[in-house]
Protein backbone atom coordinates (compact mmCIF):
# COMPACT_ATOMS: atom_id res chain seq x y z
CA MET A 1 9.79 31.06 14.75
CA THR A 2 9.99 34.49 16.24
CA LEU A 3 11.41 37.37 14.24
CA SER A 4 14.13 37.92 16.83
CA TYR A 5 15.35 34.33 16.50
CA LYS A 6 15.22 34.52 12.70
CA ILE A 7 17.41 37.66 12.69
CA ALA A 8 19.98 36.08 14.98
CA LEU A 9 19.99 32.83 13.03
CA ALA A 10 20.36 34.70 9.72
CA ALA A 11 23.34 36.68 11.06
CA ASP A 12 24.97 33.47 12.27
CA CYS A 13 24.38 31.65 8.97
CA ILE A 14 25.78 34.57 6.97
CA ALA A 15 28.90 34.49 9.15
CA ILE A 16 29.31 30.77 8.48
CA LEU A 17 28.91 31.33 4.73
CA VAL A 18 31.54 34.11 4.79
CA ALA A 19 33.96 31.83 6.65
CA ILE A 20 33.36 29.04 4.12
CA TYR A 21 33.98 31.54 1.31
CA PHE A 22 37.33 32.52 2.83
CA LEU A 23 38.26 28.86 3.26
CA TYR A 24 37.32 28.06 -0.33
CA THR A 25 39.16 31.02 -1.87
CA ASP A 26 42.32 30.22 0.10
CA TYR A 27 42.08 26.61 -1.04
CA ALA A 28 41.44 27.60 -4.68
CA ARG A 29 44.45 29.94 -4.72
CA SER A 30 46.64 27.20 -3.27
CA SER A 31 47.74 29.60 -0.59
CA SER A 32 50.68 28.47 1.50
CA SER A 33 48.95 29.48 4.73
CA SER A 34 47.31 26.81 6.83
CA ASN A 35 43.66 27.31 7.70
CA GLY A 36 43.36 24.52 10.24
CA LEU A 37 42.16 26.83 13.00
CA LEU A 38 39.62 28.58 10.75
CA ASN A 39 38.29 25.16 9.69
CA LEU A 40 37.91 24.16 13.32
CA VAL A 41 36.24 27.42 14.33
CA THR A 42 33.84 27.27 11.36
CA MET A 43 32.81 23.70 12.18
CA ALA A 44 32.37 24.55 15.88
CA PHE A 45 30.28 27.60 15.02
CA ALA A 46 28.14 25.55 12.61
CA ALA A 47 27.62 22.99 15.39
CA TRP A 48 26.65 25.82 17.78
CA VAL A 49 24.05 27.12 15.31
CA GLY A 50 22.83 23.58 14.64
CA LEU A 51 22.42 22.95 18.37
CA SER A 52 20.49 26.20 18.69
CA PHE A 53 18.21 25.17 15.82
CA TYR A 54 17.72 21.72 17.37
CA LEU A 55 16.85 23.18 20.77
CA TYR A 56 14.40 25.65 19.23
CA HIS A 57 12.46 22.90 17.49
CA HIS A 58 12.49 20.54 20.45
CA GLY A 59 10.82 22.71 23.06
CA HIS A 60 13.54 25.08 24.35
CA PRO A 61 13.03 28.31 22.38
CA LYS A 62 14.41 30.67 25.04
CA ILE A 63 17.70 28.80 25.41
CA ALA A 64 17.98 28.52 21.63
CA ALA A 65 17.36 32.24 21.17
CA ILE A 66 20.02 33.09 23.75
CA MET A 67 22.45 30.72 22.03
CA ALA A 68 21.71 32.33 18.68
CA TRP A 69 22.09 35.89 19.98
CA ILE A 70 25.43 35.36 21.77
CA PRO A 71 27.48 35.38 18.53
CA ALA A 72 24.94 37.47 16.59
CA VAL A 73 25.37 40.61 18.70
CA PRO A 74 29.05 41.21 17.81
CA LEU A 75 28.45 40.08 14.22
CA LEU A 76 25.62 42.56 13.75
CA GLY A 77 27.68 45.29 15.42
CA TYR A 78 30.50 44.63 12.98
CA GLY A 79 28.03 44.71 10.10
CA VAL A 80 26.65 48.06 11.23
CA MET A 81 30.17 49.52 11.42
CA ILE A 82 30.97 48.31 7.88
CA LEU A 83 27.67 49.74 6.66
CA LEU A 84 28.46 53.11 8.26
CA PHE A 85 31.85 53.15 6.53
CA VAL A 86 30.21 52.44 3.19
CA VAL A 87 27.45 55.01 3.63
CA PHE A 88 29.48 57.90 5.06
CA LYS A 89 32.75 57.23 3.17
CA PRO A 90 35.04 58.76 5.80
CA ASP A 91 38.17 60.52 4.65
CA MET A 92 41.04 58.71 6.40
CA ARG A 93 43.84 61.25 6.13
């Protein structure tokens, strides 16, 4: 596996784990809100990542890398913005 594909796949898997965490905590708190759409989006995203992984290991690494990077770019951008807020601690007055 190339390093580029590993980075994209790691970002995607972290996003799936965060979504599962939110689903679990809402379920554990017995929240009155319905998470049907978040369940559907999480399963679809997991299928997208699974299809990318399948394609990578069955002879289509370029298509798989593109599929992995499509959601990874905005996820990594969001992560960088959160990291900048933590590091620089802006004063929001």
